[in-house]
Amino acid sequence: MTNARRLGLFLLAGSAWGALSYVLGREWYGEIIWAGIIASPLIGLAVGQLAQSAFDRARPGRRVLIALGSLCAAATLYGTVIGALNWHLRAPGSPGVEAFWEGLASAWYGAAMLGIGLWPLAYWTHHLIGRLSARPSVATSRTTSLG
């Protein structure tokens, strides 16, 4: 049950980050932002699977670095989705690689410019997921108290 809860928390965290990306990036990206927002739960799942266990085991100093790494990984995945759609929608005859890199570079730029605020938020997200996934579920605590 804890594993299912943890995966659900990764999806929920990804969705919350997707909502934040809409608020912060809708002017910059325009309509293409919806590709990243739709992919955000899966990005949260991927980054959570990649980084959460290491974050939970690490000491505070390393946790800060893991949060930064997860922020960079999420921005890379988000930018890859935006870039892939940008490539797909490019004008006929225009170079696709430039369209792809534009989406990816803009995600990196946004993460770098907003990183001072997003980095602690990434840390807090990992911390919260670690605490919530470690708690026993309501069903588990009821059955152990009855037995």
Foldseek 3Di string as FASTA:
>chain_A
DLVVLLLVLLLVVLLVVLVVCCVVPCVPQPPLSVQLNVCSSVLSNVLCVVQLVVLLPDDPVVVLVSLVVSLLSSLQVSLQRSLVVQLVPDDPPDDSVVSSVVSSVVSVVVCVVCVVPVSVVSSVSSVVSSVVSPDDDPVVVVVVVVD
